[in-house]
Amino acid sequence: MKPIGYWLNRTDKALTAHMNAMLADFGLTRTAWQVLNVVRDNSEALDANVHTVLAANADAPARAAAIEAVLADGWTTRPAPGRLTLTPSGRDRLAAVEERVATFRALSTTGITPDEYRTAVSVLERMTHNLESH
């Protein structure tokens, strides 16, 4: 049996590669999609909020590039300096992306029961807490 670190790395790479391919039709990457989710959940998100929420998902240059990409592609706009909000078009397009993401989630959890999924997430959360709090 391979150690958990092997499977964590391989799973993250597989999630990212598949999601990037799936999102390419929308001109997005996994990180850009995550930026859009932060902005959707906070109608006028600060860039700093996006960086804080996504710190574990991507490094600072990747997060900054994703912010710039969603601005350049018209998904978001700046209502004030350092703030992001979805454009009406971005909100509509994000709804279409969510349909594709639902299909991706179903594929990635094929053969995994909801209880197994919750257990896996719980174990990883506890391992992370053990290491980060030590």
N, C-alpha and C. Protein backbone atom coordinates (compact mmCIF):
# COMPACT_ATOMS: atom_id res chain seq x y z
N MET A 1 0.85 -1.18 0.00
CA MET A 1 0.00 0.00 0.00
C MET A 1 0.89 1.24 0.00
N LYS A 2 0.58 2.16 -0.88
CA LYS A 2 1.33 3.42 -0.94
C LYS A 2 0.90 4.31 0.22
N PRO A 3 1.79 5.17 0.70
CA PRO A 3 1.45 6.04 1.83
C PRO A 3 0.46 7.14 1.43
N ILE A 4 -0.16 7.72 2.43
CA ILE A 4 -1.20 8.72 2.20
C ILE A 4 -0.69 9.93 1.41
N GLY A 5 0.55 10.35 1.66
CA GLY A 5 1.10 11.49 0.93
C GLY A 5 1.11 11.25 -0.58
N TYR A 6 1.44 10.04 -0.98
CA TYR A 6 1.43 9.68 -2.39
C TYR A 6 0.03 9.90 -2.97
N TRP A 7 -0.99 9.37 -2.27
CA TRP A 7 -2.36 9.47 -2.78
C TRP A 7 -2.89 10.89 -2.70
N LEU A 8 -2.50 11.65 -1.69
CA LEU A 8 -2.92 13.06 -1.62
C LEU A 8 -2.39 13.83 -2.83
N ASN A 9 -1.10 13.67 -3.11
CA ASN A 9 -0.50 14.38 -4.25
C ASN A 9 -1.11 13.93 -5.57
N ARG A 10 -1.25 12.63 -5.72
CA ARG A 10 -1.79 12.13 -6.98
C ARG A 10 -3.25 12.54 -7.16
N THR A 11 -4.04 12.52 -6.09
CA THR A 11 -5.44 12.93 -6.17
C THR A 11 -5.55 14.41 -6.53
N ASP A 12 -4.75 15.25 -5.88
CA ASP A 12 -4.81 16.68 -6.18
C ASP A 12 -4.43 16.94 -7.64
N LYS A 13 -3.41 16.27 -8.13
CA LYS A 13 -3.02 16.44 -9.54
C LYS A 13 -4.14 15.98 -10.47
N ALA A 14 -4.76 14.85 -10.14
CA ALA A 14 -5.85 14.33 -10.98
C ALA A 14 -7.06 15.27 -10.95
N LEU A 15 -7.40 15.77 -9.76
CA LEU A 15 -8.51 16.72 -9.65
C LEU A 15 -8.24 17.96 -10.48
N THR A 16 -7.04 18.51 -10.34
CA THR A 16 -6.69 19.74 -11.06
C THR A 16 -6.67 19.52 -12.56
N ALA A 17 -6.02 18.44 -13.01
CA ALA A 17 -5.93 18.19 -14.46
C ALA A 17 -7.32 17.98 -15.06
N HIS A 18 -8.14 17.18 -14.41
CA HIS A 18 -9.47 16.91 -14.96
C HIS A 18 -10.34 18.17 -14.91
N MET A 19 -10.26 18.89 -13.81
CA MET A 19 -11.08 20.09 -13.69
C MET A 19 -10.63 21.16 -14.68
N ASN A 20 -9.32 21.34 -14.84
CA ASN A 20 -8.83 22.31 -15.82
C ASN A 20 -9.31 21.96 -17.22
N ALA A 21 -9.28 20.68 -17.57
CA ALA A 21 -9.75 20.26 -18.89
C ALA A 21 -11.25 20.51 -19.04
N MET A 22 -12.01 20.20 -17.99
CA MET A 22 -13.45 20.39 -18.02
C MET A 22 -13.83 21.87 -18.09
N LEU A 23 -13.06 22.71 -17.42
CA LEU A 23 -13.36 24.14 -17.36
C LEU A 23 -12.81 24.92 -18.56
N ALA A 24 -11.94 24.30 -19.34
CA ALA A 24 -11.32 24.99 -20.48
C ALA A 24 -12.37 25.53 -21.45
N ASP A 25 -13.48 24.82 -21.61
CA ASP A 25 -14.55 25.29 -22.50
C ASP A 25 -15.09 26.65 -22.07
N PHE A 26 -14.93 26.96 -20.78
CA PHE A 26 -15.41 28.23 -20.23
C PHE A 26 -14.28 29.26 -20.09
N GLY A 27 -13.07 28.87 -20.49
CA GLY A 27 -11.92 29.77 -20.35
C GLY A 27 -11.44 29.88 -18.92
N LEU A 28 -11.72 28.86 -18.11
CA LEU A 28 -11.35 28.89 -16.70
C LEU A 28 -10.34 27.80 -16.35
N THR A 29 -9.69 27.99 -15.22
CA THR A 29 -8.88 26.96 -14.58
C THR A 29 -9.55 26.65 -13.24
N ARG A 30 -9.06 25.63 -12.57
CA ARG A 30 -9.59 25.29 -11.25
C ARG A 30 -9.46 26.49 -10.30
N THR A 31 -8.30 27.14 -10.34
CA THR A 31 -8.08 28.28 -9.44
C THR A 31 -8.99 29.45 -9.79
N ALA A 32 -9.17 29.73 -11.07
CA ALA A 32 -10.07 30.82 -11.47
C ALA A 32 -11.50 30.51 -11.04
N TRP A 33 -11.92 29.25 -11.18
CA TRP A 33 -13.25 28.85 -10.74
C TRP A 33 -13.39 29.05 -9.23
N GLN A 34 -12.34 28.74 -8.47
CA GLN A 34 -12.37 28.94 -7.03
C GLN A 34 -12.48 30.44 -6.69
N VAL A 35 -11.79 31.28 -7.45
CA VAL A 35 -11.91 32.73 -7.26
C VAL A 35 -13.37 33.14 -7.46
N LEU A 36 -13.99 32.65 -8.52
CA LEU A 36 -15.39 33.01 -8.79
C LEU A 36 -16.32 32.57 -7.66
N ASN A 37 -16.03 31.43 -7.05
CA ASN A 37 -16.85 30.97 -5.93
C ASN A 37 -16.72 31.89 -4.73
N VAL A 38 -15.51 32.37 -4.46
CA VAL A 38 -15.32 33.30 -3.34
C VAL A 38 -16.09 34.59 -3.62
N VAL A 39 -16.00 35.08 -4.84
CA VAL A 39 -16.68 36.33 -5.20
C VAL A 39 -18.19 36.14 -5.18
N ARG A 40 -18.67 35.00 -5.66
CA ARG A 40 -20.12 34.72 -5.64
C ARG A 40 -20.65 34.72 -4.21
N ASP A 41 -19.86 34.17 -3.29
CA ASP A 41 -20.30 34.06 -1.90
C ASP A 41 -20.17 35.37 -1.12
N ASN A 42 -19.50 36.36 -1.70
CA ASN A 42 -19.32 37.67 -1.06
C ASN A 42 -19.47 38.70 -2.16
N SER A 43 -20.60 39.37 -2.23
CA SER A 43 -20.96 40.20 -3.38
C SER A 43 -19.92 41.26 -3.76
N GLU A 44 -19.14 41.74 -2.81
CA GLU A 44 -18.04 42.66 -3.12
C GLU A 44 -16.81 42.20 -2.35
N ALA A 45 -16.25 41.09 -2.79
CA ALA A 45 -15.11 40.48 -2.12
C ALA A 45 -13.86 41.33 -2.30
N LEU A 46 -13.10 41.43 -1.25
CA LEU A 46 -11.79 42.06 -1.34
C LEU A 46 -10.80 41.07 -1.95
N ASP A 47 -9.85 41.58 -2.71
CA ASP A 47 -8.79 40.71 -3.22
C ASP A 47 -8.14 39.96 -2.07
N ALA A 48 -7.97 40.65 -0.94
CA ALA A 48 -7.35 40.02 0.23
C ALA A 48 -8.16 38.83 0.72
N ASN A 49 -9.50 38.92 0.65
CA ASN A 49 -10.35 37.78 1.03
C ASN A 49 -10.10 36.59 0.11
N VAL A 50 -10.01 36.87 -1.17
CA VAL A 50 -9.76 35.80 -2.14
C VAL A 50 -8.43 35.13 -1.82
N HIS A 51 -7.41 35.93 -1.58
CA HIS A 51 -6.09 35.36 -1.27
C HIS A 51 -6.12 34.55 0.01
N THR A 52 -6.84 35.02 1.02
CA THR A 52 -6.90 34.30 2.29
C THR A 52 -7.64 32.97 2.14
N VAL A 53 -8.81 33.02 1.52
CA VAL A 53 -9.62 31.82 1.37
C VAL A 53 -8.92 30.76 0.53
N LEU A 54 -8.19 31.19 -0.50
CA LEU A 54 -7.57 30.25 -1.43
C LEU A 54 -6.09 29.98 -1.16
N ALA A 55 -5.58 30.43 -0.01
CA ALA A 55 -4.16 30.28 0.30
C ALA A 55 -3.70 28.82 0.26
N ALA A 56 -4.55 27.90 0.67
CA ALA A 56 -4.17 26.48 0.66
C ALA A 56 -4.30 25.86 -0.72
N ASN A 57 -4.98 26.56 -1.65
CA ASN A 57 -5.26 25.99 -2.96
C ASN A 57 -4.23 26.34 -4.03
N ALA A 58 -3.60 27.49 -3.89
CA ALA A 58 -2.65 27.94 -4.92
C ALA A 58 -1.71 28.97 -4.30
N ASP A 59 -0.54 29.13 -4.91
CA ASP A 59 0.39 30.13 -4.40
C ASP A 59 -0.07 31.54 -4.83
N ALA A 60 0.55 32.56 -4.24
CA ALA A 60 0.13 33.95 -4.47
C ALA A 60 0.16 34.34 -5.95
N PRO A 61 1.21 34.00 -6.71
CA PRO A 61 1.19 34.38 -8.13
C PRO A 61 0.05 33.70 -8.91
N ALA A 62 -0.26 32.46 -8.59
CA ALA A 62 -1.35 31.76 -9.27
C ALA A 62 -2.70 32.39 -8.91
N ARG A 63 -2.86 32.76 -7.65
CA ARG A 63 -4.11 33.41 -7.24
C ARG A 63 -4.26 34.76 -7.92
N ALA A 64 -3.18 35.54 -7.97
CA ALA A 64 -3.22 36.86 -8.63
C ALA A 64 -3.53 36.71 -10.12
N ALA A 65 -2.92 35.71 -10.75
CA ALA A 65 -3.18 35.48 -12.18
C ALA A 65 -4.63 35.08 -12.41
N ALA A 66 -5.19 34.28 -11.51
CA ALA A 66 -6.58 33.87 -11.64
C ALA A 66 -7.52 35.06 -11.47
N ILE A 67 -7.21 35.94 -10.54
CA ILE A 67 -8.02 37.15 -10.36
C ILE A 67 -7.98 37.99 -11.63
N GLU A 68 -6.81 38.18 -12.18
CA GLU A 68 -6.68 38.97 -13.41
C GLU A 68 -7.41 38.31 -14.57
N ALA A 69 -7.36 36.98 -14.63
CA ALA A 69 -8.03 36.26 -15.73
C ALA A 69 -9.55 36.44 -15.67
N VAL A 70 -10.14 36.35 -14.48
CA VAL A 70 -11.60 36.50 -14.40
C VAL A 70 -12.02 37.94 -14.65
N LEU A 71 -11.15 38.89 -14.34
CA LEU A 71 -11.43 40.29 -14.69
C LEU A 71 -11.35 40.48 -16.20
N ALA A 72 -10.28 40.00 -16.80
CA ALA A 72 -10.06 40.19 -18.24
C ALA A 72 -11.13 39.51 -19.08
N ASP A 73 -11.64 38.37 -18.60
CA ASP A 73 -12.65 37.63 -19.36
C ASP A 73 -14.07 38.08 -19.07
N GLY A 74 -14.24 39.13 -18.26
CA GLY A 74 -15.56 39.68 -18.01
C GLY A 74 -16.42 38.92 -17.01
N TRP A 75 -15.82 37.99 -16.29
CA TRP A 75 -16.57 37.28 -15.24
C TRP A 75 -16.84 38.22 -14.06
N THR A 76 -15.85 39.05 -13.77
CA THR A 76 -15.93 39.95 -12.62
C THR A 76 -15.58 41.36 -13.07
N THR A 77 -15.86 42.30 -12.18
CA THR A 77 -15.49 43.69 -12.38
C THR A 77 -15.07 44.25 -11.03
N ARG A 78 -14.52 45.44 -11.06
CA ARG A 78 -14.10 46.09 -9.82
C ARG A 78 -15.04 47.26 -9.52
N PRO A 79 -15.92 47.09 -8.52
CA PRO A 79 -16.79 48.21 -8.14
C PRO A 79 -16.02 49.29 -7.38
N ALA A 80 -14.86 48.91 -6.84
CA ALA A 80 -13.98 49.83 -6.12
C ALA A 80 -12.59 49.19 -6.14
N PRO A 81 -11.55 49.98 -5.94
CA PRO A 81 -10.20 49.40 -5.94
C PRO A 81 -10.07 48.26 -4.93
N GLY A 82 -9.47 47.16 -5.38
CA GLY A 82 -9.24 46.02 -4.49
C GLY A 82 -10.46 45.18 -4.21
N ARG A 83 -11.57 45.47 -4.89
CA ARG A 83 -12.81 44.70 -4.69
C ARG A 83 -13.22 44.03 -6.00
N LEU A 84 -13.89 42.90 -5.85
CA LEU A 84 -14.38 42.15 -7.00
C LEU A 84 -15.86 41.85 -6.83
N THR A 85 -16.58 41.89 -7.93
CA THR A 85 -17.98 41.46 -7.94
C THR A 85 -18.24 40.77 -9.27
N LEU A 86 -19.16 39.82 -9.26
CA LEU A 86 -19.52 39.15 -10.51
C LEU A 86 -20.29 40.12 -11.40
N THR A 87 -20.02 40.05 -12.69
CA THR A 87 -20.83 40.79 -13.66
C THR A 87 -22.11 39.98 -13.89
N PRO A 88 -23.14 40.60 -14.43
CA PRO A 88 -24.35 39.82 -14.76
C PRO A 88 -24.01 38.64 -15.69
N SER A 89 -23.17 38.88 -16.67
CA SER A 89 -22.75 37.81 -17.57
C SER A 89 -21.97 36.74 -16.81
N GLY A 90 -21.11 37.17 -15.91
CA GLY A 90 -20.34 36.23 -15.11
C GLY A 90 -21.23 35.36 -14.26
N ARG A 91 -22.25 35.96 -13.68
CA ARG A 91 -23.21 35.20 -12.85
C ARG A 91 -23.93 34.16 -13.70
N ASP A 92 -24.38 34.55 -14.89
CA ASP A 92 -25.06 33.62 -15.79
C ASP A 92 -24.13 32.49 -16.23
N ARG A 93 -22.92 32.85 -16.62
CA ARG A 93 -21.97 31.84 -17.07
C ARG A 93 -21.57 30.90 -15.94
N LEU A 94 -21.47 31.43 -14.72
CA LEU A 94 -21.11 30.60 -13.57
C LEU A 94 -22.19 29.55 -13.31
N ALA A 95 -23.44 29.88 -13.55
CA ALA A 95 -24.52 28.90 -13.40
C ALA A 95 -24.32 27.74 -14.37
N ALA A 96 -23.89 28.03 -15.60
CA ALA A 96 -23.61 26.97 -16.57
C ALA A 96 -22.42 26.13 -16.14
N VAL A 97 -21.41 26.77 -15.56
CA VAL A 97 -20.23 26.06 -15.07
C VAL A 97 -20.64 25.09 -13.96
N GLU A 98 -21.55 25.51 -13.10
CA GLU A 98 -21.98 24.67 -11.97
C GLU A 98 -22.56 23.35 -12.45
N GLU A 99 -23.26 23.36 -13.58
CA GLU A 99 -23.78 22.10 -14.13
C GLU A 99 -22.64 21.15 -14.47
N ARG A 100 -21.60 21.68 -15.06
CA ARG A 100 -20.45 20.86 -15.43
C ARG A 100 -19.71 20.38 -14.19
N VAL A 101 -19.60 21.23 -13.18
CA VAL A 101 -18.93 20.87 -11.93
C VAL A 101 -19.70 19.75 -11.23
N ALA A 102 -21.02 19.79 -11.27
CA ALA A 102 -21.82 18.72 -10.66
C ALA A 102 -21.50 17.37 -11.32
N THR A 103 -21.36 17.38 -12.63
CA THR A 103 -21.00 16.16 -13.35
C THR A 103 -19.60 15.70 -12.94
N PHE A 104 -18.67 16.64 -12.82
CA PHE A 104 -17.31 16.33 -12.37
C PHE A 104 -17.33 15.71 -10.98
N ARG A 105 -18.09 16.29 -10.07
CA ARG A 105 -18.16 15.76 -8.70
C ARG A 105 -18.73 14.34 -8.70
N ALA A 106 -19.75 14.11 -9.50
CA ALA A 106 -20.34 12.77 -9.57
C ALA A 106 -19.30 11.78 -10.08
N LEU A 107 -18.55 12.16 -11.11
CA LEU A 107 -17.51 11.28 -11.64
C LEU A 107 -16.44 11.00 -10.60
N SER A 108 -16.00 12.04 -9.90
CA SER A 108 -14.89 11.87 -8.95
C SER A 108 -15.28 11.06 -7.72
N THR A 109 -16.57 10.93 -7.45
CA THR A 109 -16.99 10.15 -6.28
C THR A 109 -17.72 8.86 -6.66
N THR A 110 -17.58 8.44 -7.91
CA THR A 110 -18.19 7.19 -8.34
C THR A 110 -17.67 6.05 -7.46
N GLY A 111 -18.59 5.26 -6.95
CA GLY A 111 -18.21 4.11 -6.12
C GLY A 111 -17.87 4.47 -4.68
N ILE A 112 -18.05 5.72 -4.30
CA ILE A 112 -17.75 6.19 -2.95
C ILE A 112 -19.07 6.60 -2.31
N THR A 113 -19.39 5.99 -1.18
CA THR A 113 -20.64 6.35 -0.51
C THR A 113 -20.49 7.71 0.17
N PRO A 114 -21.60 8.37 0.45
CA PRO A 114 -21.52 9.63 1.20
C PRO A 114 -20.81 9.47 2.54
N ASP A 115 -21.04 8.35 3.22
CA ASP A 115 -20.35 8.12 4.50
C ASP A 115 -18.85 7.96 4.30
N GLU A 116 -18.43 7.25 3.26
CA GLU A 116 -17.00 7.09 2.98
C GLU A 116 -16.37 8.45 2.67
N TYR A 117 -17.08 9.26 1.91
CA TYR A 117 -16.57 10.59 1.57
C TYR A 117 -16.39 11.42 2.84
N ARG A 118 -17.43 11.44 3.69
CA ARG A 118 -17.34 12.20 4.94
C ARG A 118 -16.19 11.70 5.81
N THR A 119 -16.00 10.39 5.87
CA THR A 119 -14.91 9.82 6.66
C THR A 119 -13.57 10.26 6.11
N ALA A 120 -13.40 10.20 4.80
CA ALA A 120 -12.13 10.61 4.19
C ALA A 120 -11.82 12.06 4.50
N VAL A 121 -12.80 12.93 4.34
CA VAL A 121 -12.60 14.36 4.61
C VAL A 121 -12.30 14.57 6.09
N SER A 122 -13.02 13.89 6.95
CA SER A 122 -12.79 14.03 8.39
C SER A 122 -11.39 13.60 8.79
N VAL A 123 -10.93 12.49 8.26
CA VAL A 123 -9.58 12.01 8.57
C VAL A 123 -8.53 13.00 8.09
N LEU A 124 -8.68 13.50 6.88
CA LEU A 124 -7.71 14.47 6.35
C LEU A 124 -7.73 15.76 7.16
N GLU A 125 -8.91 16.20 7.56
CA GLU A 125 -9.03 17.40 8.38
C GLU A 125 -8.30 17.21 9.72
N ARG A 126 -8.49 16.06 10.35
CA ARG A 126 -7.82 15.80 11.63
C ARG A 126 -6.31 15.70 11.47
N MET A 127 -5.86 15.05 10.40
CA MET A 127 -4.41 14.96 10.15
C MET A 127 -3.82 16.36 9.98
N THR A 128 -4.50 17.19 9.22
CA THR A 128 -4.03 18.57 9.00
C THR A 128 -3.99 19.32 10.32
N HIS A 129 -5.04 19.22 11.11
CA HIS A 129 -5.07 19.90 12.41
C HIS A 129 -3.93 19.39 13.30
N ASN A 130 -3.71 18.09 13.34
CA ASN A 130 -2.62 17.52 14.15
C ASN A 130 -1.28 18.15 13.79
N LEU A 131 -1.03 18.27 12.50
CA LEU A 131 0.28 18.77 12.04
C LEU A 131 0.40 20.27 12.16
N GLU A 132 -0.67 20.99 11.85
CA GLU A 132 -0.61 22.46 11.91
C GLU A 132 -0.62 22.99 13.34
N SER A 133 -1.18 22.24 14.28
CA SER A 133 -1.24 22.72 15.65
C SER A 133 -0.05 22.25 16.49
N HIS A 134 0.78 21.43 15.92
CA HIS A 134 1.94 20.91 16.68
C HIS A 134 3.12 21.86 16.58
